[in-house]
Amino acid sequence: QVQLVESGGGLVQAGGSLRLSCAASGRAFSTYTMGWFRQAPGKEREFVSAISWRGGSTYYADSVKGRFTISRDNAKNTVYLQMNSLKPEDTAVYYCAADPYGVAIRTTRSYDYWGQGTQVTVSS
């Protein structure tokens, strides 16, 4: 079992920054691909970013590329999402997720473990 807890969400003005953290419990964390997804009201959950277990490969949705940076610290069992130049359309609940297989990392079905989410609201 892997348990994930997100933190760092909040309200920020457009153009501002937030750093989300996802703390994981479980011995196998360092072998998991980690992803971030988000879901706005009335919308489906969408892929935001992912990082391989070694941290050498990162992936981003086109909508956040160049603004968001994903990273991980396996010694701390934590994955981060640095969000810069935030836009109102980034407003959503952000979820971290763990994928033990790394097969379809841009799809929700690939991830076995999910956090409860943290709210990010960007005002215009």
Protein backbone atom coordinates (compact mmCIF):
# COMPACT_ATOMS: atom_id res chain seq x y z
CA GLN A 1 0.00 0.00 0.00
CA VAL A 2 1.08 3.53 -0.80
CA GLN A 3 -0.51 6.54 0.83
CA LEU A 4 -0.19 9.99 -0.73
CA VAL A 5 -0.90 13.35 0.86
CA GLU A 6 -0.82 16.58 -1.14
CA SER A 7 -0.12 20.00 0.30
CA GLY A 8 0.76 23.49 -0.84
CA GLY A 9 -2.43 24.52 -2.58
CA GLY A 10 -4.08 27.86 -2.01
CA LEU A 11 -5.31 31.05 -3.60
CA VAL A 12 -2.91 33.04 -5.74
CA GLN A 13 -3.21 35.88 -8.22
CA ALA A 14 -2.58 35.33 -11.89
CA GLY A 15 1.13 35.36 -12.61
CA GLY A 16 2.00 34.06 -9.16
CA SER A 17 3.58 30.81 -8.08
CA LEU A 18 2.83 27.85 -5.86
CA ARG A 19 4.75 24.72 -5.02
CA LEU A 20 2.76 21.58 -4.41
CA SER A 21 4.18 18.70 -2.43
CA CYS A 22 3.11 15.09 -2.28
CA ALA A 23 4.37 13.05 0.63
CA ALA A 24 4.28 9.30 0.16
CA SER A 25 4.43 6.43 2.56
CA GLY A 26 5.56 3.01 1.45
CA ARG A 27 8.88 1.38 0.88
CA ALA A 28 8.50 1.13 -2.90
CA PHE A 29 8.11 4.86 -3.54
CA SER A 30 11.47 5.23 -5.24
CA THR A 31 10.52 2.69 -7.92
CA TYR A 32 7.23 4.37 -8.86
CA THR A 33 6.50 6.79 -11.62
CA MET A 34 4.80 9.77 -10.00
CA GLY A 35 2.21 11.93 -11.67
CA TRP A 36 0.16 15.05 -11.11
CA PHE A 37 -3.39 15.40 -12.39
CA ARG A 38 -5.98 18.10 -11.94
CA GLN A 39 -9.73 18.35 -12.09
CA ALA A 40 -11.82 21.49 -12.43
CA PRO A 41 -15.54 21.58 -11.58
CA GLY A 42 -17.57 19.88 -14.29
CA LYS A 43 -14.45 18.64 -16.07
CA GLU A 44 -12.73 15.30 -16.29
CA ARG A 45 -9.48 14.69 -14.50
CA GLU A 46 -6.60 15.61 -16.78
CA PHE A 47 -2.92 14.85 -16.90
CA VAL A 48 -0.56 17.60 -15.80
CA SER A 49 2.90 16.12 -15.35
CA ALA A 50 4.82 12.96 -14.50
CA ILE A 51 8.34 11.94 -13.54
CA SER A 52 10.11 8.62 -13.86
CA TRP A 53 11.34 6.71 -10.84
CA ARG A 54 14.92 7.79 -11.42
CA GLY A 55 13.87 11.36 -12.05
CA GLY A 56 15.63 11.45 -15.38
CA SER A 57 12.50 11.71 -17.52
CA THR A 58 9.74 14.27 -17.12
CA TYR A 59 6.50 14.77 -18.98
CA TYR A 60 4.14 17.72 -19.20
CA ALA A 61 0.79 18.57 -20.65
CA ASP A 62 1.06 21.18 -23.38
CA SER A 63 -1.00 23.58 -21.30
CA VAL A 64 1.63 23.75 -18.54
CA LYS A 65 4.86 23.19 -20.43
CA GLY A 66 7.37 25.90 -19.68
CA ARG A 67 5.51 27.03 -16.57
CA PHE A 68 5.43 23.97 -14.32
CA THR A 69 8.34 21.84 -13.15
CA ILE A 70 8.04 18.41 -11.59
CA SER A 71 10.75 16.96 -9.38
CA ARG A 72 11.20 14.27 -6.78
CA ASP A 73 13.34 13.55 -3.77
CA ASN A 74 13.33 9.83 -3.20
CA ALA A 75 15.23 10.17 0.07
CA LYS A 76 12.28 12.19 1.39
CA ASN A 77 9.58 10.15 -0.36
CA THR A 78 8.26 13.37 -1.84
CA VAL A 79 7.34 14.67 -5.28
CA TYR A 80 6.93 18.35 -6.06
CA LEU A 81 5.18 20.46 -8.64
CA GLN A 82 6.52 23.97 -8.96
CA MET A 83 3.89 26.09 -10.67
CA ASN A 84 4.93 29.46 -12.04
CA SER A 85 3.11 32.05 -14.14
CA LEU A 86 -0.20 30.70 -12.97
CA LYS A 87 -3.32 31.41 -14.99
CA PRO A 88 -6.99 31.35 -13.98
CA GLU A 89 -7.46 28.26 -16.14
CA ASP A 90 -5.05 26.42 -13.83
CA THR A 91 -7.72 26.54 -11.12
CA ALA A 92 -8.53 22.97 -10.11
CA VAL A 93 -8.06 20.34 -7.47
CA TYR A 94 -4.60 18.88 -7.97
CA TYR A 95 -3.94 15.22 -7.26
CA CYS A 96 -0.73 13.29 -7.04
CA ALA A 97 -0.65 9.67 -8.05
CA ALA A 98 1.73 6.73 -8.02
CA ASP A 99 2.22 4.30 -10.89
CA PRO A 100 4.20 1.12 -10.20
CA TYR A 101 4.45 0.16 -13.87
CA GLY A 102 5.07 3.30 -15.91
CA VAL A 103 3.21 2.08 -18.97
CA ALA A 104 0.58 4.73 -19.71
CA ILE A 105 1.73 7.61 -17.59
CA ARG A 106 -0.53 10.22 -19.20
CA THR A 107 -3.71 8.33 -18.35
CA THR A 108 -5.48 7.99 -15.02
CA ARG A 109 -5.85 4.22 -15.43
CA SER A 110 -2.10 3.77 -15.14
CA TYR A 111 -2.01 4.93 -11.53
CA ASP A 112 -2.84 2.65 -8.64
CA TYR A 113 -2.60 5.16 -5.79
CA TRP A 114 -4.07 8.63 -5.44
CA GLY A 115 -4.00 11.40 -2.90
CA GLN A 116 -7.09 13.29 -1.80
CA GLY A 117 -6.17 16.44 -3.68
CA THR A 118 -5.30 20.03 -2.86
CA GLN A 119 -7.22 23.04 -4.14
CA VAL A 120 -5.45 25.58 -6.32
CA THR A 121 -7.35 28.75 -7.15
CA VAL A 122 -5.91 31.42 -9.43
CA SER A 123 -7.68 34.75 -9.49
CA SER A 124 -7.61 37.12 -12.44
